Amino acid sequence: MLTPEAVERLLATLNAARPVASRKMFGGVGLYCDGAFFGVIDDDLLYLKSDAETDPTYDGEDAAPWVLPQGPMPYRQIVPAILADSEKLGERIDMAVEIWRRKNAKKKPRQGK
């Protein structure tokens, strides 16, 4: 369940680290920085994009993956120690934004009909 108080608290924490925009989606909240979709708030927890390059960082913190009924998603929960440190949180946001950029740079532009 998503509570307004937790969303407000997490958005304030995120915005102390980087300028972040949000949008409600599918019962959660999508997170954007510089136009990049980099994370979600779900069940009052913060998850940021992760991939093979960043997974070892999260593995060392026992950061849980975001798991939906269809299986795990490429996002990792941000642990309290990182949430409490705006510099480290900003670095994690930067990592997640870079993942989005790498993934989207590989996409070919759509051809018009």
N, C-alpha and C. Protein backbone atom coordinates (compact mmCIF):
# COMPACT_ATOMS: atom_id res chain seq x y z
N MET A 1 0.84 -1.18 0.00
CA MET A 1 0.00 0.00 0.00
C MET A 1 0.89 1.25 0.00
N LEU A 2 0.47 2.22 -0.73
CA LEU A 2 1.20 3.48 -0.86
C LEU A 2 0.51 4.53 0.01
N THR A 3 1.25 5.11 0.96
CA THR A 3 0.66 6.14 1.80
C THR A 3 1.18 7.51 1.38
N PRO A 4 0.31 8.52 1.39
CA PRO A 4 0.73 9.87 0.99
C PRO A 4 1.90 10.40 1.82
N GLU A 5 1.91 10.09 3.11
CA GLU A 5 2.99 10.56 3.98
C GLU A 5 4.34 9.99 3.56
N ALA A 6 4.38 8.71 3.25
CA ALA A 6 5.64 8.08 2.84
C ALA A 6 6.10 8.64 1.50
N VAL A 7 5.17 8.84 0.58
CA VAL A 7 5.53 9.40 -0.73
C VAL A 7 6.10 10.80 -0.55
N GLU A 8 5.44 11.62 0.26
CA GLU A 8 5.91 12.98 0.51
C GLU A 8 7.31 12.97 1.13
N ARG A 9 7.53 12.10 2.10
CA ARG A 9 8.83 11.99 2.77
C ARG A 9 9.91 11.55 1.79
N LEU A 10 9.62 10.53 0.99
CA LEU A 10 10.61 10.04 0.03
C LEU A 10 10.91 11.07 -1.06
N LEU A 11 9.89 11.77 -1.53
CA LEU A 11 10.12 12.81 -2.55
C LEU A 11 10.97 13.95 -1.98
N ALA A 12 10.74 14.32 -0.74
CA ALA A 12 11.57 15.37 -0.11
C ALA A 12 13.01 14.89 0.02
N THR A 13 13.20 13.63 0.40
CA THR A 13 14.55 13.07 0.52
C THR A 13 15.24 13.04 -0.83
N LEU A 14 14.52 12.60 -1.86
CA LEU A 14 15.09 12.56 -3.21
C LEU A 14 15.46 13.95 -3.70
N ASN A 15 14.56 14.91 -3.50
CA ASN A 15 14.80 16.27 -3.98
C ASN A 15 15.91 16.98 -3.23
N ALA A 16 16.27 16.49 -2.06
CA ALA A 16 17.43 17.04 -1.35
C ALA A 16 18.72 16.58 -2.03
N ALA A 17 18.64 15.50 -2.79
CA ALA A 17 19.81 14.94 -3.48
C ALA A 17 19.90 15.40 -4.93
N ARG A 18 18.78 15.40 -5.64
CA ARG A 18 18.70 15.79 -7.05
C ARG A 18 17.29 16.31 -7.31
N PRO A 19 17.12 17.17 -8.32
CA PRO A 19 15.76 17.61 -8.66
C PRO A 19 15.00 16.45 -9.31
N VAL A 20 13.91 16.06 -8.68
CA VAL A 20 13.15 14.89 -9.11
C VAL A 20 11.70 15.27 -9.35
N ALA A 21 11.13 14.72 -10.41
CA ALA A 21 9.70 14.86 -10.69
C ALA A 21 9.05 13.50 -10.48
N SER A 22 7.75 13.51 -10.24
CA SER A 22 7.05 12.25 -10.00
C SER A 22 5.72 12.23 -10.74
N ARG A 23 5.25 11.01 -10.97
CA ARG A 23 3.96 10.81 -11.63
C ARG A 23 3.34 9.52 -11.09
N LYS A 24 2.07 9.60 -10.70
CA LYS A 24 1.38 8.40 -10.23
C LYS A 24 1.23 7.43 -11.39
N MET A 25 1.45 6.15 -11.10
CA MET A 25 1.31 5.12 -12.13
C MET A 25 1.09 3.76 -11.50
N PHE A 26 0.13 3.03 -11.99
CA PHE A 26 -0.11 1.63 -11.61
C PHE A 26 -0.09 1.41 -10.10
N GLY A 27 -0.67 2.31 -9.33
CA GLY A 27 -0.71 2.13 -7.89
C GLY A 27 0.55 2.56 -7.18
N GLY A 28 1.55 3.01 -7.92
CA GLY A 28 2.80 3.49 -7.33
C GLY A 28 3.10 4.88 -7.85
N VAL A 29 4.37 5.27 -7.73
CA VAL A 29 4.81 6.57 -8.21
C VAL A 29 6.07 6.38 -9.05
N GLY A 30 6.04 6.89 -10.29
CA GLY A 30 7.22 6.86 -11.15
C GLY A 30 8.08 8.09 -10.89
N LEU A 31 9.39 7.92 -10.97
CA LEU A 31 10.34 8.99 -10.66
C LEU A 31 11.17 9.36 -11.88
N TYR A 32 11.37 10.67 -12.07
CA TYR A 32 12.08 11.19 -13.23
C TYR A 32 13.12 12.22 -12.79
N CYS A 33 14.25 12.21 -13.46
CA CYS A 33 15.29 13.22 -13.25
C CYS A 33 15.85 13.57 -14.62
N ASP A 34 15.85 14.83 -14.97
CA ASP A 34 16.32 15.27 -16.29
C ASP A 34 15.63 14.51 -17.42
N GLY A 35 14.34 14.22 -17.24
CA GLY A 35 13.57 13.52 -18.27
C GLY A 35 13.74 12.02 -18.30
N ALA A 36 14.61 11.49 -17.44
CA ALA A 36 14.87 10.04 -17.42
C ALA A 36 14.03 9.37 -16.34
N PHE A 37 13.37 8.28 -16.71
CA PHE A 37 12.61 7.48 -15.74
C PHE A 37 13.62 6.60 -15.01
N PHE A 38 13.82 6.86 -13.72
CA PHE A 38 14.91 6.18 -13.02
C PHE A 38 14.49 5.37 -11.81
N GLY A 39 13.24 5.48 -11.37
CA GLY A 39 12.86 4.73 -10.18
C GLY A 39 11.38 4.76 -9.92
N VAL A 40 11.00 4.03 -8.85
CA VAL A 40 9.60 3.95 -8.45
C VAL A 40 9.50 3.96 -6.93
N ILE A 41 8.36 4.42 -6.47
CA ILE A 41 7.98 4.24 -5.07
C ILE A 41 6.81 3.28 -5.10
N ASP A 42 6.94 2.18 -4.37
CA ASP A 42 5.89 1.16 -4.32
C ASP A 42 5.87 0.59 -2.90
N ASP A 43 4.70 0.40 -2.36
CA ASP A 43 4.56 -0.10 -0.98
C ASP A 43 5.40 0.71 0.00
N ASP A 44 5.45 2.02 -0.22
CA ASP A 44 6.18 2.96 0.63
C ASP A 44 7.69 2.72 0.64
N LEU A 45 8.21 2.06 -0.38
CA LEU A 45 9.64 1.81 -0.50
C LEU A 45 10.15 2.43 -1.79
N LEU A 46 11.41 2.84 -1.78
CA LEU A 46 12.05 3.45 -2.94
C LEU A 46 12.89 2.41 -3.66
N TYR A 47 12.69 2.30 -4.97
CA TYR A 47 13.46 1.40 -5.82
C TYR A 47 14.05 2.20 -6.97
N LEU A 48 15.34 1.98 -7.25
CA LEU A 48 15.99 2.65 -8.38
C LEU A 48 16.43 1.62 -9.40
N LYS A 49 16.47 2.05 -10.67
CA LYS A 49 16.91 1.19 -11.77
C LYS A 49 18.25 0.58 -11.45
N SER A 50 18.41 -0.69 -11.84
CA SER A 50 19.67 -1.39 -11.65
C SER A 50 19.92 -2.27 -12.87
N ASP A 51 21.18 -2.61 -13.07
CA ASP A 51 21.55 -3.51 -14.17
C ASP A 51 22.79 -4.29 -13.77
N ALA A 52 23.36 -5.03 -14.71
CA ALA A 52 24.52 -5.87 -14.41
C ALA A 52 25.70 -5.05 -13.87
N GLU A 53 25.82 -3.80 -14.30
CA GLU A 53 26.92 -2.96 -13.82
C GLU A 53 26.72 -2.48 -12.39
N THR A 54 25.49 -2.23 -12.01
CA THR A 54 25.23 -1.68 -10.68
C THR A 54 24.77 -2.73 -9.66
N ASP A 55 24.35 -3.91 -10.12
CA ASP A 55 23.90 -4.95 -9.19
C ASP A 55 24.92 -5.27 -8.09
N PRO A 56 26.23 -5.36 -8.38
CA PRO A 56 27.17 -5.67 -7.30
C PRO A 56 27.14 -4.65 -6.16
N THR A 57 26.93 -3.40 -6.48
CA THR A 57 26.83 -2.37 -5.44
C THR A 57 25.65 -2.68 -4.53
N TYR A 58 24.51 -2.99 -5.13
CA TYR A 58 23.31 -3.28 -4.35
C TYR A 58 23.42 -4.62 -3.63
N ASP A 59 24.06 -5.60 -4.25
CA ASP A 59 24.24 -6.90 -3.60
C ASP A 59 25.01 -6.75 -2.29
N GLY A 60 26.02 -5.87 -2.29
CA GLY A 60 26.82 -5.65 -1.09
C GLY A 60 26.04 -5.02 0.05
N GLU A 61 24.90 -4.46 -0.24
CA GLU A 61 24.04 -3.83 0.78
C GLU A 61 22.82 -4.67 1.12
N ASP A 62 22.70 -5.83 0.51
CA ASP A 62 21.50 -6.66 0.66
C ASP A 62 20.25 -5.89 0.27
N ALA A 63 20.36 -5.09 -0.80
CA ALA A 63 19.22 -4.32 -1.31
C ALA A 63 18.32 -5.25 -2.12
N ALA A 64 17.09 -5.38 -1.67
CA ALA A 64 16.15 -6.31 -2.30
C ALA A 64 15.72 -5.81 -3.68
N PRO A 65 15.49 -6.75 -4.60
CA PRO A 65 14.94 -6.35 -5.89
C PRO A 65 13.45 -6.02 -5.74
N TRP A 66 12.95 -5.26 -6.70
CA TRP A 66 11.52 -4.96 -6.77
C TRP A 66 10.87 -6.16 -7.43
N VAL A 67 9.99 -6.83 -6.71
CA VAL A 67 9.36 -8.05 -7.23
C VAL A 67 7.86 -7.81 -7.41
N LEU A 68 7.40 -8.05 -8.62
CA LEU A 68 5.98 -7.97 -8.96
C LEU A 68 5.47 -9.39 -9.14
N PRO A 69 4.15 -9.59 -9.26
CA PRO A 69 3.62 -10.94 -9.44
C PRO A 69 4.25 -11.68 -10.63
N GLN A 70 4.63 -10.95 -11.69
CA GLN A 70 5.23 -11.62 -12.85
C GLN A 70 6.72 -11.88 -12.68
N GLY A 71 7.30 -11.42 -11.57
CA GLY A 71 8.71 -11.70 -11.30
C GLY A 71 9.48 -10.45 -10.94
N PRO A 72 10.79 -10.62 -10.71
CA PRO A 72 11.62 -9.47 -10.33
C PRO A 72 11.80 -8.48 -11.47
N MET A 73 11.86 -7.22 -11.11
CA MET A 73 12.07 -6.13 -12.07
C MET A 73 13.49 -5.61 -11.91
N PRO A 74 14.02 -4.90 -12.90
CA PRO A 74 15.41 -4.41 -12.82
C PRO A 74 15.54 -3.13 -11.97
N TYR A 75 15.08 -3.23 -10.74
CA TYR A 75 15.14 -2.13 -9.78
C TYR A 75 15.56 -2.71 -8.44
N ARG A 76 16.27 -1.90 -7.64
CA ARG A 76 16.69 -2.33 -6.31
C ARG A 76 16.21 -1.35 -5.26
N GLN A 77 15.84 -1.91 -4.10
CA GLN A 77 15.40 -1.08 -2.99
C GLN A 77 16.58 -0.28 -2.44
N ILE A 78 16.32 0.95 -2.10
CA ILE A 78 17.35 1.80 -1.51
C ILE A 78 17.27 1.64 0.01
N VAL A 79 18.39 1.20 0.58
CA VAL A 79 18.44 0.89 2.01
C VAL A 79 18.48 2.18 2.83
N PRO A 80 18.05 2.13 4.10
CA PRO A 80 17.98 3.33 4.94
C PRO A 80 19.30 4.11 5.04
N ALA A 81 20.43 3.43 5.09
CA ALA A 81 21.71 4.14 5.20
C ALA A 81 21.95 5.05 4.00
N ILE A 82 21.53 4.63 2.81
CA ILE A 82 21.69 5.46 1.61
C ILE A 82 20.66 6.59 1.62
N LEU A 83 19.44 6.29 2.04
CA LEU A 83 18.40 7.33 2.13
C LEU A 83 18.81 8.45 3.08
N ALA A 84 19.57 8.13 4.10
CA ALA A 84 19.97 9.12 5.11
C ALA A 84 21.15 9.98 4.66
N ASP A 85 21.76 9.64 3.53
CA ASP A 85 22.95 10.36 3.06
C ASP A 85 22.66 10.93 1.68
N SER A 86 22.35 12.23 1.60
CA SER A 86 21.92 12.81 0.32
C SER A 86 23.01 12.73 -0.75
N GLU A 87 24.28 12.76 -0.36
CA GLU A 87 25.35 12.64 -1.35
C GLU A 87 25.35 11.25 -1.99
N LYS A 88 25.26 10.22 -1.15
CA LYS A 88 25.22 8.85 -1.67
C LYS A 88 23.93 8.60 -2.46
N LEU A 89 22.82 9.14 -1.98
CA LEU A 89 21.56 8.98 -2.70
C LEU A 89 21.65 9.64 -4.06
N GLY A 90 22.26 10.82 -4.12
CA GLY A 90 22.45 11.49 -5.41
C GLY A 90 23.28 10.66 -6.37
N GLU A 91 24.31 10.00 -5.86
CA GLU A 91 25.12 9.12 -6.70
C GLU A 91 24.29 7.96 -7.24
N ARG A 92 23.40 7.42 -6.41
CA ARG A 92 22.53 6.32 -6.86
C ARG A 92 21.54 6.79 -7.91
N ILE A 93 21.01 7.98 -7.73
CA ILE A 93 20.11 8.54 -8.73
C ILE A 93 20.87 8.70 -10.05
N ASP A 94 22.08 9.23 -9.98
CA ASP A 94 22.90 9.39 -11.19
C ASP A 94 23.13 8.05 -11.88
N MET A 95 23.41 7.00 -11.10
CA MET A 95 23.62 5.67 -11.67
C MET A 95 22.37 5.20 -12.40
N ALA A 96 21.21 5.38 -11.76
CA ALA A 96 19.95 4.93 -12.35
C ALA A 96 19.61 5.72 -13.61
N VAL A 97 19.86 7.01 -13.60
CA VAL A 97 19.62 7.84 -14.79
C VAL A 97 20.53 7.40 -15.92
N GLU A 98 21.77 7.08 -15.61
CA GLU A 98 22.72 6.62 -16.64
C GLU A 98 22.26 5.29 -17.25
N ILE A 99 21.70 4.41 -16.45
CA ILE A 99 21.16 3.15 -16.98
C ILE A 99 20.06 3.46 -17.99
N TRP A 100 19.16 4.36 -17.63
CA TRP A 100 18.07 4.74 -18.55
C TRP A 100 18.65 5.29 -19.84
N ARG A 101 19.66 6.16 -19.72
CA ARG A 101 20.25 6.77 -20.92
C ARG A 101 20.93 5.73 -21.80
N ARG A 102 21.68 4.82 -21.21
CA ARG A 102 22.34 3.76 -21.99
C ARG A 102 21.30 2.91 -22.72
N LYS A 103 20.27 2.53 -22.00
CA LYS A 103 19.23 1.69 -22.60
C LYS A 103 18.53 2.42 -23.74
N ASN A 104 18.20 3.68 -23.55
CA ASN A 104 17.47 4.43 -24.56
C ASN A 104 18.35 4.88 -25.71
N ALA A 105 19.65 4.97 -25.51
CA ALA A 105 20.56 5.31 -26.61
C ALA A 105 20.65 4.17 -27.61
N LYS A 106 20.38 2.95 -27.15
CA LYS A 106 20.45 1.77 -28.02
C LYS A 106 19.21 1.62 -28.90
N LYS A 107 18.13 2.27 -28.51
CA LYS A 107 16.89 2.15 -29.28
C LYS A 107 17.01 2.91 -30.58
N LYS A 108 16.52 2.29 -31.64
CA LYS A 108 16.50 2.95 -32.95
C LYS A 108 15.28 3.85 -33.04
N PRO A 109 15.42 5.01 -33.66
CA PRO A 109 14.26 5.89 -33.82
C PRO A 109 13.19 5.22 -34.68
N ARG A 110 11.94 5.50 -34.34
CA ARG A 110 10.83 4.94 -35.12
C ARG A 110 10.74 5.64 -36.46
N GLN A 111 10.43 4.86 -37.47
CA GLN A 111 10.23 5.40 -38.81
C GLN A 111 8.77 5.81 -38.96
N GLY A 112 8.53 6.95 -39.59
CA GLY A 112 7.16 7.41 -39.83
C GLY A 112 6.50 6.57 -40.90
N LYS A 113 5.17 6.54 -40.89
CA LYS A 113 4.43 5.75 -41.88
C LYS A 113 4.17 6.56 -43.11
